[in-house]
Amino acid sequence: MRIICIAGTGRSGSTVLERMIATRGGIAVGELKYLWSRGLMRGELCGCGRPTPDCPFWAEVIARAFPDGLDPARIEALRRRVERHRILMLRRLIGLPSARYAEDRAEYLAILRRVHEAIAAVSGPDLIIDSSKDPPHIDLIRELAPEATILHLVRDSRAVAHSWGRPKLRPEVHWAEEYMPRIGALRGALDWLFINFATARLFARTPGYQLLRYEDLAEGRAFLADLARPEGAALVHSVSGNPLRFDTVPRRLAPDRRWLTEFRGVRWLLVTLLTAPLLWRYGYPLIRRDRERAP
């Protein structure tokens, strides 16, 4: 069983990258951390188009992993006690001890192990692609599978903040009209800063870590050589992610420069100032250039 985790912030192209990898072998499970809440409790659509509880793939996975049944609400509560940014900072980055956290972490790790083993047994391909992105989740996967590949996908913070401010429908909510949450420039900048800092701090020096810039992938300047097998049909049973996961024909990452003309003024300045250290580290220009203003 091999695992590829896509790390980074939302609105960075992780769903498209996941689908691209899946066409070269493996199964795309989407944001696996939401299996319990969005998938099993709310019944949102799987990437195959069926409600997750009615999806034959996930039904068999759950039956194998939990032959005696399960309580998704209890597991979700357990996950939230382990997979939160605040908990990650206190217990993993700062290292404050907690016996309750250690017990919860061990119990949830055992659950994740059963789920991954069942996915591998049911899917056929030995490669699982998880685009959960959040450092707390990937920290658990790293302990579960130390040889896991971590693709740290980074996108310009101004582009991410612009994307978070735009409305985007959630078609997986098939019983109502619901939109993805919209985040303001300040919150978007702080989330981008913390998630990318925590990802690099925890995983950059571990085997299997690879830093990828969205812009390099979208413009063909980066290539995943170790995944360069002939493309085929993607096996997708993603429990959450960008609406692009429902496309019948997988897309490739494409440059999106709308933010260069639409994201300006105080918001642009605020995000640039707050995220400047990491923007510089990842090779992004801090000052807007005239030639970049055209979409």
C-alpha atoms as a PDB file:
ATOM      1  CA  MET A   1       0.000   0.000   0.000  1.00  0.00           C
ATOM      2  CA  ARG A   2       1.458   3.325  -1.108  1.00  0.00           C
ATOM      3  CA  ILE A   3       0.003   6.684  -0.102  1.00  0.00           C
ATOM      4  CA  ILE A   4       0.379  10.104  -1.727  1.00  0.00           C
ATOM      5  CA  CYS A   5      -0.794  13.015   0.415  1.00  0.00           C
ATOM      6  CA  ILE A   6      -1.369  16.396  -1.196  1.00  0.00           C
ATOM      7  CA  ALA A   7      -0.576  19.102   1.348  1.00  0.00           C
ATOM      8  CA  GLY A   8      -1.200  22.856   1.300  1.00  0.00           C
ATOM      9  CA  THR A   9      -4.165  25.216   1.433  1.00  0.00           C
ATOM     10  CA  GLY A  10      -7.541  25.029  -0.209  1.00  0.00           C
ATOM     11  CA  ARG A  11      -7.999  26.706  -3.618  1.00  0.00           C
ATOM     12  CA  SER A  12      -4.510  25.674  -4.697  1.00  0.00           C
ATOM     13  CA  GLY A  13      -5.381  23.117  -7.377  1.00  0.00           C
ATOM     14  CA  SER A  14      -5.175  19.984  -5.225  1.00  0.00           C
ATOM     15  CA  THR A  15      -8.264  18.332  -6.710  1.00  0.00           C
ATOM     16  CA  VAL A  16      -6.975  18.673 -10.268  1.00  0.00           C
ATOM     17  CA  LEU A  17      -3.530  17.436  -9.225  1.00  0.00           C
ATOM     18  CA  GLU A  18      -5.132  14.448  -7.507  1.00  0.00           C
ATOM     19  CA  ARG A  19      -7.048  13.566 -10.678  1.00  0.00           C
ATOM     20  CA  MET A  20      -3.897  13.961 -12.800  1.00  0.00           C
ATOM     21  CA  ILE A  21      -2.037  11.512 -10.576  1.00  0.00           C
ATOM     22  CA  ALA A  22      -4.963   9.088 -10.537  1.00  0.00           C
ATOM     23  CA  THR A  23      -4.870   8.802 -14.352  1.00  0.00           C
ATOM     24  CA  ARG A  24      -1.417   7.258 -13.952  1.00  0.00           C
ATOM     25  CA  GLY A  25      -2.567   4.634 -11.482  1.00  0.00           C
ATOM     26  CA  GLY A  26      -4.074   4.638  -8.032  1.00  0.00           C
ATOM     27  CA  ILE A  27      -7.375   5.668  -6.502  1.00  0.00           C
ATOM     28  CA  ALA A  28      -8.316   9.252  -5.651  1.00  0.00           C
ATOM     29  CA  VAL A  29     -10.177   9.310  -2.315  1.00  0.00           C
ATOM     30  CA  GLY A  30     -10.375  13.098  -2.074  1.00  0.00           C
ATOM     31  CA  GLU A  31     -10.282  14.784   1.312  1.00  0.00           C
ATOM     32  CA  LEU A  32     -10.429  11.605   3.369  1.00  0.00           C
ATOM     33  CA  LYS A  33     -10.651  13.514   6.641  1.00  0.00           C
ATOM     34  CA  TYR A  34     -14.268  14.344   5.721  1.00  0.00           C
ATOM     35  CA  LEU A  35     -15.330  10.709   5.231  1.00  0.00           C
ATOM     36  CA  TRP A  36     -17.231  10.669   8.529  1.00  0.00           C
ATOM     37  CA  SER A  37     -18.910  14.085   8.526  1.00  0.00           C
ATOM     38  CA  ARG A  38     -19.587  14.968   4.891  1.00  0.00           C
ATOM     39  CA  GLY A  39     -19.572  11.456   3.481  1.00  0.00           C
ATOM     40  CA  LEU A  40     -21.350   9.176   5.952  1.00  0.00           C
ATOM     41  CA  MET A  41     -23.234  11.608   8.212  1.00  0.00           C
ATOM     42  CA  ARG A  42     -24.460  14.143   5.646  1.00  0.00           C
ATOM     43  CA  GLY A  43     -24.557  11.775   2.685  1.00  0.00           C
ATOM     44  CA  GLU A  44     -22.818  14.108   0.246  1.00  0.00           C
ATOM     45  CA  LEU A  45     -21.971  12.803  -3.211  1.00  0.00           C
ATOM     46  CA  CYS A  46     -18.915  10.652  -3.778  1.00  0.00           C
ATOM     47  CA  GLY A  47     -16.752  11.510  -6.786  1.00  0.00           C
ATOM     48  CA  CYS A  48     -18.512   8.680  -8.649  1.00  0.00           C
ATOM     49  CA  GLY A  49     -21.771  10.638  -8.462  1.00  0.00           C
ATOM     50  CA  ARG A  50     -23.607   8.552  -5.837  1.00  0.00           C
ATOM     51  CA  PRO A  51     -24.291   9.582  -2.240  1.00  0.00           C
ATOM     52  CA  THR A  52     -21.350   8.276  -0.255  1.00  0.00           C
ATOM     53  CA  PRO A  53     -23.412   5.856   1.907  1.00  0.00           C
ATOM     54  CA  ASP A  54     -24.860   4.360  -1.319  1.00  0.00           C
ATOM     55  CA  CYS A  55     -21.534   4.120  -3.161  1.00  0.00           C
ATOM     56  CA  PRO A  56     -20.651   0.399  -3.609  1.00  0.00           C
ATOM     57  CA  PHE A  57     -16.949   1.150  -3.157  1.00  0.00           C
ATOM     58  CA  TRP A  58     -17.327   2.926   0.184  1.00  0.00           C
ATOM     59  CA  ALA A  59     -19.966   0.450   1.346  1.00  0.00           C
ATOM     60  CA  GLU A  60     -17.482  -2.390   0.872  1.00  0.00           C
ATOM     61  CA  VAL A  61     -14.649  -0.405   2.470  1.00  0.00           C
ATOM     62  CA  ILE A  62     -16.750   0.301   5.557  1.00  0.00           C
ATOM     63  CA  ALA A  63     -17.959  -3.303   5.748  1.00  0.00           C
ATOM     64  CA  ARG A  64     -14.367  -4.585   5.636  1.00  0.00           C
ATOM     65  CA  ALA A  65     -12.957  -2.033   8.054  1.00  0.00           C
ATOM     66  CA  PHE A  66     -15.840  -2.185  10.557  1.00  0.00           C
ATOM     67  CA  PRO A  67     -17.512  -5.610  10.331  1.00  0.00           C
ATOM     68  CA  ASP A  68     -19.280  -4.984  13.642  1.00  0.00           C
ATOM     69  CA  GLY A  69     -20.635  -1.602  12.512  1.00  0.00           C
ATOM     70  CA  LEU A  70     -19.507   1.942  13.294  1.00  0.00           C
ATOM     71  CA  ASP A  71     -20.743   5.222  14.714  1.00  0.00           C
ATOM     72  CA  PRO A  72     -19.552   7.948  12.309  1.00  0.00           C
ATOM     73  CA  ALA A  73     -20.587  10.727  14.712  1.00  0.00           C
ATOM     74  CA  ARG A  74     -18.363   9.277  17.441  1.00  0.00           C
ATOM     75  CA  ILE A  75     -15.436   8.884  15.026  1.00  0.00           C
ATOM     76  CA  GLU A  76     -15.904  12.439  13.776  1.00  0.00           C
ATOM     77  CA  ALA A  77     -15.824  13.747  17.344  1.00  0.00           C
ATOM     78  CA  LEU A  78     -12.632  11.760  17.913  1.00  0.00           C
ATOM     79  CA  ARG A  79     -11.104  13.139  14.709  1.00  0.00           C
ATOM     80  CA  ARG A  80     -11.874  16.701  15.744  1.00  0.00           C
ATOM     81  CA  ARG A  81     -10.070  16.161  19.056  1.00  0.00           C
ATOM     82  CA  VAL A  82      -6.958  15.154  17.109  1.00  0.00           C
ATOM     83  CA  GLU A  83      -7.088  16.957  13.744  1.00  0.00           C
ATOM     84  CA  ARG A  84      -7.299  20.641  14.575  1.00  0.00           C
ATOM     85  CA  HIS A  85      -4.770  23.378  13.875  1.00  0.00           C
ATOM     86  CA  ARG A  86      -4.831  24.484  17.505  1.00  0.00           C
ATOM     87  CA  ILE A  87      -4.168  20.927  18.676  1.00  0.00           C
ATOM     88  CA  LEU A  88      -1.387  20.541  16.109  1.00  0.00           C
ATOM     89  CA  MET A  89       0.313  23.685  17.372  1.00  0.00           C
ATOM     90  CA  LEU A  90       0.082  22.732  21.045  1.00  0.00           C
ATOM     91  CA  ARG A  91       0.857  19.021  20.819  1.00  0.00           C
ATOM     92  CA  ARG A  92       3.115  18.659  17.780  1.00  0.00           C
ATOM     93  CA  LEU A  93       4.776  22.007  17.028  1.00  0.00           C
ATOM     94  CA  ILE A  94       5.246  23.175  20.624  1.00  0.00           C
ATOM     95  CA  GLY A  95       5.267  19.676  22.117  1.00  0.00           C
ATOM     96  CA  LEU A  96       3.030  20.177  25.166  1.00  0.00           C
ATOM     97  CA  PRO A  97       2.222  16.703  26.577  1.00  0.00           C
ATOM     98  CA  SER A  98      -1.328  15.457  27.026  1.00  0.00           C
ATOM     99  CA  ALA A  99      -2.323  11.930  28.027  1.00  0.00           C
ATOM    100  CA  ARG A 100      -5.842  12.437  26.604  1.00  0.00           C
ATOM    101  CA  TYR A 101      -4.434  13.566  23.274  1.00  0.00           C
ATOM    102  CA  ALA A 102      -2.062  10.585  23.120  1.00  0.00           C
ATOM    103  CA  GLU A 103      -4.955   8.184  23.748  1.00  0.00           C
ATOM    104  CA  ASP A 104      -7.207   9.870  21.179  1.00  0.00           C
ATOM    105  CA  ARG A 105      -4.417   9.955  18.615  1.00  0.00           C
ATOM    106  CA  ALA A 106      -3.646   6.245  19.059  1.00  0.00           C
ATOM    107  CA  GLU A 107      -7.329   5.320  18.749  1.00  0.00           C
ATOM    108  CA  TYR A 108      -7.869   7.412  15.628  1.00  0.00           C
ATOM    109  CA  LEU A 109      -4.666   6.098  14.055  1.00  0.00           C
ATOM    110  CA  ALA A 110      -5.991   2.556  14.485  1.00  0.00           C
ATOM    111  CA  ILE A 111      -9.202   3.585  12.716  1.00  0.00           C
ATOM    112  CA  LEU A 112      -7.276   5.200   9.850  1.00  0.00           C
ATOM    113  CA  ARG A 113      -5.162   2.069   9.485  1.00  0.00           C
ATOM    114  CA  ARG A 114      -8.268  -0.097   9.118  1.00  0.00           C
ATOM    115  CA  VAL A 115      -9.737   2.301   6.546  1.00  0.00           C
ATOM    116  CA  HIS A 116      -6.556   2.440   4.452  1.00  0.00           C
ATOM    117  CA  GLU A 117      -6.140  -1.317   4.495  1.00  0.00           C
ATOM    118  CA  ALA A 118      -9.754  -1.736   3.387  1.00  0.00           C
ATOM    119  CA  ILE A 119      -9.340   0.853   0.594  1.00  0.00           C
ATOM    120  CA  ALA A 120      -6.271  -1.000  -0.688  1.00  0.00           C
ATOM    121  CA  ALA A 121      -8.098  -4.327  -0.580  1.00  0.00           C
ATOM    122  CA  VAL A 122     -11.239  -3.070  -2.341  1.00  0.00           C
ATOM    123  CA  SER A 123      -9.780  -0.714  -4.945  1.00  0.00           C
ATOM    124  CA  GLY A 124      -7.226  -2.976  -6.602  1.00  0.00           C
ATOM    125  CA  PRO A 125      -4.517  -0.313  -7.220  1.00  0.00           C
ATOM    126  CA  ASP A 126      -1.926  -0.204  -4.460  1.00  0.00           C
ATOM    127  CA  LEU A 127      -1.697   3.622  -4.561  1.00  0.00           C
ATOM    128  CA  ILE A 128      -4.039   5.799  -2.479  1.00  0.00           C
ATOM    129  CA  ILE A 129      -4.157   9.534  -3.260  1.00  0.00           C
ATOM    130  CA  ASP A 130      -5.427  11.666  -0.371  1.00  0.00           C
ATOM    131  CA  SER A 131      -5.942  15.408  -0.936  1.00  0.00           C
ATOM    132  CA  SER A 132      -6.953  16.304   2.639  1.00  0.00           C
ATOM    133  CA  LYS A 133      -4.159  18.931   2.678  1.00  0.00           C
ATOM    134  CA  ASP A 134      -4.338  19.876   6.373  1.00  0.00           C
ATOM    135  CA  PRO A 135      -1.089  19.325   8.369  1.00  0.00           C
ATOM    136  CA  PRO A 136      -2.841  17.560  11.302  1.00  0.00           C
ATOM    137  CA  HIS A 137      -4.258  14.897   8.982  1.00  0.00           C
ATOM    138  CA  ILE A 138      -1.010  14.435   7.081  1.00  0.00           C
ATOM    139  CA  ASP A 139       0.871  14.194  10.373  1.00  0.00           C
ATOM    140  CA  LEU A 140      -1.273  11.161  11.207  1.00  0.00           C
ATOM    141  CA  ILE A 141      -0.763   9.621   7.769  1.00  0.00           C
ATOM    142  CA  ARG A 142       2.987  10.094   8.124  1.00  0.00           C
ATOM    143  CA  GLU A 143       2.910   8.095  11.362  1.00  0.00           C
ATOM    144  CA  LEU A 144       0.650   5.488   9.783  1.00  0.00           C
ATOM    145  CA  ALA A 145       2.835   5.162   6.671  1.00  0.00           C
ATOM    146  CA  PRO A 146       6.324   6.676   7.144  1.00  0.00           C
ATOM    147  CA  GLU A 147       7.127   6.028   3.476  1.00  0.00           C
ATOM    148  CA  ALA A 148       4.154   8.111   2.249  1.00  0.00           C
ATOM    149  CA  THR A 149       4.858  10.724  -0.419  1.00  0.00           C
ATOM    150  CA  ILE A 150       3.910  14.267   0.598  1.00  0.00           C
ATOM    151  CA  LEU A 151       3.349  16.682  -2.286  1.00  0.00           C
ATOM    152  CA  HIS A 152       3.374  20.168  -0.767  1.00  0.00           C
ATOM    153  CA  LEU A 153       1.385  22.198  -3.304  1.00  0.00           C
ATOM    154  CA  VAL A 154       1.889  25.958  -2.949  1.00  0.00           C
ATOM    155  CA  ARG A 155       0.075  28.729  -4.772  1.00  0.00           C
ATOM    156  CA  ASP A 156       0.574  32.506  -4.565  1.00  0.00           C
ATOM    157  CA  SER A 157      -1.201  33.686  -1.399  1.00  0.00           C
ATOM    158  CA  ARG A 158      -2.885  36.565  -3.262  1.00  0.00           C
ATOM    159  CA  ALA A 159      -4.381  34.131  -5.776  1.00  0.00           C
ATOM    160  CA  VAL A 160      -5.597  31.866  -2.961  1.00  0.00           C
ATOM    161  CA  ALA A 161      -7.166  34.763  -1.033  1.00  0.00           C
ATOM    162  CA  HIS A 162      -8.898  35.962  -4.196  1.00  0.00           C
ATOM    163  CA  SER A 163     -10.278  32.488  -4.862  1.00  0.00           C
ATOM    164  CA  TRP A 164     -11.598  32.136  -1.288  1.00  0.00           C
ATOM    165  CA  GLY A 165     -13.572  35.355  -1.760  1.00  0.00           C
ATOM    166  CA  ARG A 166     -15.439  34.093  -4.820  1.00  0.00           C
ATOM    167  CA  PRO A 167     -18.683  32.078  -4.528  1.00  0.00           C
ATOM    168  CA  LYS A 168     -18.442  28.411  -5.521  1.00  0.00           C
ATOM    169  CA  LEU A 169     -21.382  26.022  -5.536  1.00  0.00           C
ATOM    170  CA  ARG A 170     -21.040  22.635  -3.776  1.00  0.00           C
ATOM    171  CA  PRO A 171     -22.787  20.167  -6.142  1.00  0.00           C
ATOM    172  CA  GLU A 172     -22.099  17.291  -3.744  1.00  0.00           C
ATOM    173  CA  VAL A 173     -24.875  18.730  -1.557  1.00  0.00           C
ATOM    174  CA  HIS A 174     -27.517  17.217  -3.831  1.00  0.00           C
ATOM    175  CA  TRP A 175     -30.558  18.014  -1.682  1.00  0.00           C
ATOM    176  CA  ALA A 176     -30.091  21.797  -1.483  1.00  0.00           C
ATOM    177  CA  GLU A 177     -28.177  24.738  -2.940  1.00  0.00           C
ATOM    178  CA  GLU A 178     -25.077  25.215  -0.810  1.00  0.00           C
ATOM    179  CA  TYR A 179     -21.884  27.133  -1.449  1.00  0.00           C
ATOM    180  CA  MET A 180     -18.339  26.606  -0.257  1.00  0.00           C
ATOM    181  CA  PRO A 181     -17.458  28.938   2.626  1.00  0.00           C
ATOM    182  CA  ARG A 182     -16.085  32.334   1.641  1.00  0.00           C
ATOM    183  CA  ILE A 183     -13.114  33.589   3.635  1.00  0.00           C
ATOM    184  CA  GLY A 184     -11.981  37.186   3.956  1.00  0.00           C
ATOM    185  CA  ALA A 185      -8.514  38.390   2.981  1.00  0.00           C
ATOM    186  CA  LEU A 186      -7.198  38.499   6.570  1.00  0.00           C
ATOM    187  CA  ARG A 187      -8.378  34.989   7.456  1.00  0.00           C
ATOM    188  CA  GLY A 188      -7.188  33.668   4.088  1.00  0.00           C
ATOM    189  CA  ALA A 189      -3.716  35.132   4.585  1.00  0.00           C
ATOM    190  CA  LEU A 190      -3.350  33.771   8.122  1.00  0.00           C
ATOM    191  CA  ASP A 191      -4.546  30.304   7.096  1.00  0.00           C
ATOM    192  CA  TRP A 192      -2.154  30.278   4.120  1.00  0.00           C
ATOM    193  CA  LEU A 193       0.735  31.338   6.356  1.00  0.00           C
ATOM    194  CA  PHE A 194       0.074  28.809   9.126  1.00  0.00           C
ATOM    195  CA  ILE A 195      -0.701  25.809   6.903  1.00  0.00           C
ATOM    196  CA  ASN A 196       2.348  26.243   4.689  1.00  0.00           C
ATOM    197  CA  PHE A 197       4.628  26.977   7.659  1.00  0.00           C
ATOM    198  CA  ALA A 198       3.359  23.938   9.596  1.00  0.00           C
ATOM    199  CA  THR A 199       3.629  21.676   6.542  1.00  0.00           C
ATOM    200  CA  ALA A 200       7.231  22.661   5.918  1.00  0.00           C
ATOM    201  CA  ARG A 201       8.120  22.540   9.616  1.00  0.00           C
ATOM    202  CA  LEU A 202       6.767  19.013  10.072  1.00  0.00           C
ATOM    203  CA  PHE A 203       7.604  17.327   6.778  1.00  0.00           C
ATOM    204  CA  ALA A 204      10.212  19.196   4.712  1.00  0.00           C
ATOM    205  CA  ARG A 205      13.099  17.127   6.094  1.00  0.00           C
ATOM    206  CA  THR A 206      11.335  13.788   5.900  1.00  0.00           C
ATOM    207  CA  PRO A 207      11.662  11.229   3.092  1.00  0.00           C
ATOM    208  CA  GLY A 208       9.088  11.544   0.344  1.00  0.00           C
ATOM    209  CA  TYR A 209       8.522  15.294   0.718  1.00  0.00           C
ATOM    210  CA  GLN A 210       8.313  17.310  -2.505  1.00  0.00           C
ATOM    211  CA  LEU A 211       7.516  21.016  -2.898  1.00  0.00           C
ATOM    212  CA  LEU A 212       5.435  21.909  -5.957  1.00  0.00           C
ATOM    213  CA  ARG A 213       4.296  25.344  -7.072  1.00  0.00           C
ATOM    214  CA  TYR A 214       0.861  25.530  -8.678  1.00  0.00           C
ATOM    215  CA  GLU A 215       2.169  28.004 -11.229  1.00  0.00           C
ATOM    216  CA  ASP A 216       5.026  25.721 -12.306  1.00  0.00           C
ATOM    217  CA  LEU A 217       2.682  22.779 -12.781  1.00  0.00           C
ATOM    218  CA  ALA A 218       0.061  24.866 -14.590  1.00  0.00           C
ATOM    219  CA  GLU A 219       2.590  26.322 -17.012  1.00  0.00           C
ATOM    220  CA  GLY A 220       4.404  23.042 -17.648  1.00  0.00           C
ATOM    221  CA  ARG A 221       7.619  23.977 -15.821  1.00  0.00           C
ATOM    222  CA  ALA A 222       7.358  21.083 -13.330  1.00  0.00           C
ATOM    223  CA  PHE A 223       6.779  17.422 -14.007  1.00  0.00           C
ATOM    224  CA  LEU A 224       6.160  14.514 -11.671  1.00  0.00           C
ATOM    225  CA  ALA A 225       8.796  12.223 -13.144  1.00  0.00           C
ATOM    226  CA  ASP A 226       8.187   9.406 -10.681  1.00  0.00           C
ATOM    227  CA  LEU A 227       4.528   9.315 -11.719  1.00  0.00           C
ATOM    228  CA  ALA A 228       5.138   9.520 -15.452  1.00  0.00           C
ATOM    229  CA  ARG A 229       3.322   6.396 -16.483  1.00  0.00           C
ATOM    230  CA  PRO A 230       0.898   6.283 -19.419  1.00  0.00           C
ATOM    231  CA  GLU A 231      -2.381   8.036 -18.656  1.00  0.00           C
ATOM    232  CA  GLY A 232      -5.613   6.100 -18.354  1.00  0.00           C
ATOM    233  CA  ALA A 233      -9.039   6.495 -16.788  1.00  0.00           C
ATOM    234  CA  ALA A 234      -8.909   7.913 -13.269  1.00  0.00           C
ATOM    235  CA  LEU A 235     -10.417   5.819 -10.473  1.00  0.00           C
ATOM    236  CA  VAL A 236     -12.175   8.439  -8.358  1.00  0.00           C
ATOM    237  CA  HIS A 237     -14.154   7.893  -5.172  1.00  0.00           C
ATOM    238  CA  SER A 238     -13.419  11.237  -3.540  1.00  0.00           C
ATOM    239  CA  VAL A 239     -15.500  12.014  -0.473  1.00  0.00           C
ATOM    240  CA  SER A 240     -14.866  15.768  -0.635  1.00  0.00           C
ATOM    241  CA  GLY A 241     -12.998  18.341  -2.689  1.00  0.00           C
ATOM    242  CA  ASN A 242     -13.386  20.909  -5.434  1.00  0.00           C
ATOM    243  CA  PRO A 243     -16.443  20.450  -7.711  1.00  0.00           C
ATOM    244  CA  LEU A 244     -14.002  19.666 -10.524  1.00  0.00           C
ATOM    245  CA  ARG A 245     -13.829  16.138  -9.109  1.00  0.00           C
ATOM    246  CA  PHE A 246     -17.149  15.418 -10.841  1.00  0.00           C
ATOM    247  CA  ASP A 247     -15.781  16.192 -14.318  1.00  0.00           C
ATOM    248  CA  THR A 248     -16.063  13.181 -16.603  1.00  0.00           C
ATOM    249  CA  VAL A 249     -12.840  14.196 -18.366  1.00  0.00           C
ATOM    250  CA  PRO A 250     -10.005  15.057 -15.920  1.00  0.00           C
ATOM    251  CA  ARG A 251      -8.625  18.557 -16.360  1.00  0.00           C
ATOM    252  CA  ARG A 252      -5.043  19.689 -16.195  1.00  0.00           C
ATOM    253  CA  LEU A 253      -3.886  22.529 -14.033  1.00  0.00           C
ATOM    254  CA  ALA A 254      -4.195  25.745 -16.028  1.00  0.00           C
ATOM    255  CA  PRO A 255      -2.884  29.227 -15.238  1.00  0.00           C
ATOM    256  CA  ASP A 256      -5.556  31.382 -13.575  1.00  0.00           C
ATOM    257  CA  ARG A 257      -4.467  35.025 -13.563  1.00  0.00           C
ATOM    258  CA  ARG A 258      -7.810  36.697 -12.856  1.00  0.00           C
ATOM    259  CA  TRP A 259      -6.580  37.684  -9.416  1.00  0.00           C
ATOM    260  CA  LEU A 260      -3.962  39.957 -11.015  1.00  0.00           C
ATOM    261  CA  THR A 261      -6.684  42.351 -12.132  1.00  0.00           C
ATOM    262  CA  GLU A 262      -9.484  41.572  -9.661  1.00  0.00           C
ATOM    263  CA  PHE A 263      -7.568  41.364  -6.372  1.00  0.00           C
ATOM    264  CA  ARG A 264      -6.199  44.839  -5.670  1.00  0.00           C
ATOM    265  CA  GLY A 265      -5.988  47.672  -3.190  1.00  0.00           C
ATOM    266  CA  VAL A 266      -6.055  47.157   0.568  1.00  0.00           C
ATOM    267  CA  ARG A 267      -6.763  43.424   0.317  1.00  0.00           C
ATOM    268  CA  TRP A 268      -3.768  42.839  -1.940  1.00  0.00           C
ATOM    269  CA  LEU A 269      -1.513  44.911   0.345  1.00  0.00           C
ATOM    270  CA  LEU A 270      -2.742  43.172   3.502  1.00  0.00           C
ATOM    271  CA  VAL A 271      -2.200  39.655   2.145  1.00  0.00           C
ATOM    272  CA  THR A 272       1.190  40.580   0.664  1.00  0.00           C
ATOM    273  CA  LEU A 273       2.479  42.052   3.929  1.00  0.00           C
ATOM    274  CA  LEU A 274       1.257  39.182   6.104  1.00  0.00           C
ATOM    275  CA  THR A 275       2.599  36.422   3.863  1.00  0.00           C
ATOM    276  CA  ALA A 276       5.723  38.174   2.550  1.00  0.00           C
ATOM    277  CA  PRO A 277       8.299  35.881   4.260  1.00  0.00           C
ATOM    278  CA  LEU A 278       6.925  32.711   2.694  1.00  0.00           C
ATOM    279  CA  LEU A 279       6.109  34.405  -0.629  1.00  0.00           C
ATOM    280  CA  TRP A 280       9.777  35.347  -0.888  1.00  0.00           C
ATOM    281  CA  ARG A 281      10.878  31.871   0.182  1.00  0.00           C
ATOM    282  CA  TYR A 282       8.736  30.237  -2.508  1.00  0.00           C
ATOM    283  CA  GLY A 283       9.957  32.624  -5.210  1.00  0.00           C
ATOM    284  CA  TYR A 284       6.902  34.826  -5.667  1.00  0.00           C
ATOM    285  CA  PRO A 285       7.367  38.560  -6.442  1.00  0.00           C
ATOM    286  CA  LEU A 286       6.278  40.850  -3.620  1.00  0.00           C
ATOM    287  CA  ILE A 287       5.701  43.836  -5.892  1.00  0.00           C
ATOM    288  CA  ARG A 288       3.175  43.758  -8.695  1.00  0.00           C
ATOM    289  CA  ARG A 289       4.845  44.050 -12.077  1.00  0.00           C
ATOM    290  CA  ASP A 290       3.220  45.825 -15.002  1.00  0.00           C
ATOM    291  CA  ARG A 291       3.568  42.851 -17.302  1.00  0.00           C
ATOM    292  CA  GLU A 292       1.701  40.664 -14.810  1.00  0.00           C
ATOM    293  CA  ARG A 293      -1.404  42.809 -14.732  1.00  0.00           C
ATOM    294  CA  ALA A 294      -2.973  41.341 -17.829  1.00  0.00           C
ATOM    295  CA  PRO A 295      -5.146  38.276 -17.247  1.00  0.00           C
END
